[in-house]
Amino acid sequence: MTLEQIKTHLSTANAVHFILENGTQVPEHFHVTEVGVITKHFIDCGGTVRTEKVANFQLWNANDVDHRLKPQKLLNIIALSEKTLGMENLEIEVEYQTDTIGKYDLDYDGQQFILKAKQTACLASDSCGIPTEKRKVTLAEMKSESACCTPGGGCC
């Protein structure tokens, strides 16, 4: 989800709720403690230099159980971040504390924001020697045209 998309959702939302993909609710008294831009400049295993940029939201739970972030307040935080940091319409990455600080993609189901697990991946699979997965075939799928092998037929 991009900054423009979250602003669209927030403009019609009655409340701001976050949930993990497994159904665990982020407590309603969460705080957005940071909104920023994270730039990652790196080299992949194939030797290609890359740069990635995301808008980062950090969610934090405090003992302030009466705290509730309203949609307009989050829109104001985003607007201030865009103005002060010169933020572009970037993809949003959310940091949220579970067992460790997790990084999540963001989705919306019409009522709540969903923290979607991110996955690592090889960005240079064509040049770093990782074999492609072979399709698993059952014996039932392997049918030969004849019951016996013929020389040079490739079935033996």
Protein backbone atom coordinates (compact mmCIF):
# COMPACT_ATOMS: atom_id res chain seq x y z
CA MET A 1 0.00 0.00 0.00
CA THR A 2 1.26 3.46 -0.86
CA LEU A 3 0.95 6.73 1.06
CA GLU A 4 -1.80 7.89 -1.30
CA GLN A 5 -3.74 4.67 -0.76
CA ILE A 6 -3.60 4.88 3.05
CA LYS A 7 -4.72 8.51 2.90
CA THR A 8 -7.71 7.49 0.76
CA HIS A 9 -8.66 4.75 3.23
CA LEU A 10 -8.20 7.01 6.24
CA SER A 11 -10.36 9.74 4.70
CA THR A 12 -13.43 7.47 4.93
CA ALA A 13 -12.50 5.37 7.98
CA ASN A 14 -14.27 5.73 11.34
CA ALA A 15 -11.35 4.29 13.30
CA VAL A 16 -7.78 3.09 12.86
CA HIS A 17 -7.31 -0.61 13.59
CA PHE A 18 -4.33 -2.79 12.75
CA ILE A 19 -4.33 -6.59 12.71
CA LEU A 20 -1.68 -9.19 11.95
CA GLU A 21 -2.41 -11.75 9.22
CA ASN A 22 -2.85 -14.44 11.89
CA GLY A 23 -5.75 -12.48 13.41
CA THR A 24 -3.86 -10.96 16.34
CA GLN A 25 -5.09 -7.43 16.95
CA VAL A 26 -2.65 -4.59 17.54
CA PRO A 27 -3.94 -3.12 20.81
CA GLU A 28 -6.25 -0.14 20.24
CA HIS A 29 -4.01 2.07 22.38
CA PHE A 30 -1.03 1.84 19.96
CA HIS A 31 0.97 4.93 19.06
CA VAL A 32 2.55 5.80 15.73
CA THR A 33 5.97 6.76 17.09
CA GLU A 34 7.72 7.31 13.77
CA VAL A 35 6.85 8.13 10.19
CA GLY A 36 9.83 8.38 7.93
CA VAL A 37 11.65 7.43 4.77
CA ILE A 38 14.04 4.50 4.81
CA THR A 39 16.52 4.21 1.97
CA LYS A 40 18.41 0.98 1.52
CA HIS A 41 21.47 1.08 -0.73
CA PHE A 42 22.93 -2.39 -1.24
CA ILE A 43 24.53 -4.88 -3.57
CA ASP A 44 22.78 -8.17 -4.30
CA CYS A 45 24.46 -11.58 -4.54
CA GLY A 46 24.75 -11.14 -8.32
CA GLY A 47 26.80 -7.96 -7.96
CA THR A 48 24.03 -5.49 -8.91
CA VAL A 49 23.90 -2.28 -6.87
CA ARG A 50 20.34 -1.46 -5.85
CA THR A 51 18.44 1.23 -3.97
CA GLU A 52 15.05 0.76 -2.33
CA LYS A 53 13.00 3.44 -0.63
CA VAL A 54 9.93 2.98 1.59
CA ALA A 55 7.74 5.08 3.82
CA ASN A 56 8.13 3.67 7.32
CA PHE A 57 5.50 3.69 10.07
CA GLN A 58 6.47 2.44 13.51
CA LEU A 59 3.69 1.21 15.79
CA TRP A 60 4.29 1.03 19.54
CA ASN A 61 2.20 -0.07 22.49
CA ALA A 62 2.55 1.91 25.70
CA ASN A 63 0.82 1.64 29.03
CA ASP A 64 -1.38 4.55 27.92
CA VAL A 65 -4.45 2.31 27.52
CA ASP A 66 -6.78 5.28 27.01
CA HIS A 67 -4.93 6.41 23.86
CA ARG A 68 -6.83 6.04 20.56
CA LEU A 69 -5.44 7.30 17.26
CA LYS A 70 -8.20 8.74 15.10
CA PRO A 71 -8.05 8.68 11.28
CA GLN A 72 -7.75 12.47 11.00
CA LYS A 73 -4.85 12.54 13.47
CA LEU A 74 -2.96 9.93 11.42
CA LEU A 75 -3.71 11.91 8.25
CA ASN A 76 -2.21 14.98 9.98
CA ILE A 77 0.91 13.01 10.96
CA ILE A 78 1.31 11.81 7.36
CA ALA A 79 0.81 15.33 5.97
CA LEU A 80 3.44 16.75 8.33
CA SER A 81 5.85 13.95 7.36
CA GLU A 82 5.29 14.58 3.64
CA LYS A 83 5.89 18.30 4.08
CA THR A 84 8.86 18.06 6.43
CA LEU A 85 10.63 15.08 4.87
CA GLY A 86 9.60 15.63 1.25
CA MET A 87 8.05 12.16 1.19
CA GLU A 88 6.99 10.78 -2.16
CA ASN A 89 4.11 8.38 -2.78
CA LEU A 90 6.15 5.41 -1.51
CA GLU A 91 5.15 1.90 -0.52
CA ILE A 92 4.56 1.68 3.23
CA GLU A 93 6.50 -0.64 5.48
CA VAL A 94 5.28 -0.99 9.07
CA GLU A 95 7.53 -1.81 12.01
CA TYR A 96 5.76 -3.50 14.90
CA GLN A 97 7.11 -5.16 18.02
CA THR A 98 6.23 -8.84 18.42
CA ASP A 99 8.99 -11.22 19.57
CA THR A 100 11.38 -8.85 17.82
CA ILE A 101 10.84 -5.80 15.65
CA GLY A 102 8.93 -7.12 12.65
CA LYS A 103 8.65 -5.44 9.28
CA TYR A 104 5.34 -5.76 7.49
CA ASP A 105 3.68 -4.77 4.24
CA LEU A 106 0.31 -3.08 4.64
CA ASP A 107 -3.10 -3.98 3.25
CA TYR A 108 -6.67 -2.88 3.99
CA ASP A 109 -9.81 -5.01 4.13
CA GLY A 110 -12.34 -2.17 4.24
CA GLN A 111 -12.37 -1.94 8.04
CA GLN A 112 -8.87 -2.53 9.34
CA PHE A 113 -5.29 -2.35 8.20
CA ILE A 114 -3.58 -5.72 7.86
CA LEU A 115 0.10 -6.17 8.66
CA LYS A 116 1.25 -8.67 6.03
CA ALA A 117 4.40 -10.70 6.61
CA LYS A 118 7.30 -9.79 4.36
CA GLN A 119 9.52 -12.46 2.80
CA THR A 120 13.15 -12.40 1.78
CA ALA A 121 14.06 -13.33 -1.78
CA CYS A 122 17.08 -13.64 -4.01
CA LEU A 123 17.10 -10.69 -6.40
CA ALA A 124 19.72 -12.25 -8.68
CA SER A 125 18.56 -15.84 -8.93
CA ASP A 126 19.56 -15.98 -12.60
CA SER A 127 23.20 -15.23 -11.80
CA CYS A 128 23.92 -16.55 -8.31
CA GLY A 129 23.57 -20.27 -9.02
CA ILE A 130 20.35 -21.12 -7.20
CA PRO A 131 18.67 -23.98 -9.07
CA THR A 132 15.09 -23.50 -10.09
CA GLU A 133 12.57 -25.73 -8.38
CA LYS A 134 11.67 -28.79 -10.36
CA ARG A 135 8.03 -29.71 -10.68
CA LYS A 136 7.17 -32.75 -8.57
CA VAL A 137 5.56 -35.50 -10.61
CA THR A 138 3.79 -38.57 -9.24
CA LEU A 139 4.32 -42.01 -10.76
CA ALA A 140 0.71 -41.97 -11.95
CA GLU A 141 1.49 -38.91 -14.06
CA MET A 142 4.45 -40.60 -15.70
CA LYS A 143 2.93 -42.62 -18.53
CA SER A 144 5.02 -44.20 -21.24
CA GLU A 145 3.66 -45.00 -24.65
CA SER A 146 4.67 -48.65 -24.36
CA ALA A 147 5.00 -51.04 -21.48
CA CYS A 148 8.69 -51.64 -22.12
CA CYS A 149 11.60 -49.37 -22.81
CA THR A 150 13.17 -49.19 -26.23
CA PRO A 151 16.85 -48.51 -26.82
CA GLY A 152 17.46 -44.80 -27.04
CA GLY A 153 13.91 -44.07 -25.85
CA GLY A 154 15.10 -42.21 -22.78
CA CYS A 155 12.82 -43.97 -20.31
CA CYS A 156 15.45 -46.20 -18.67
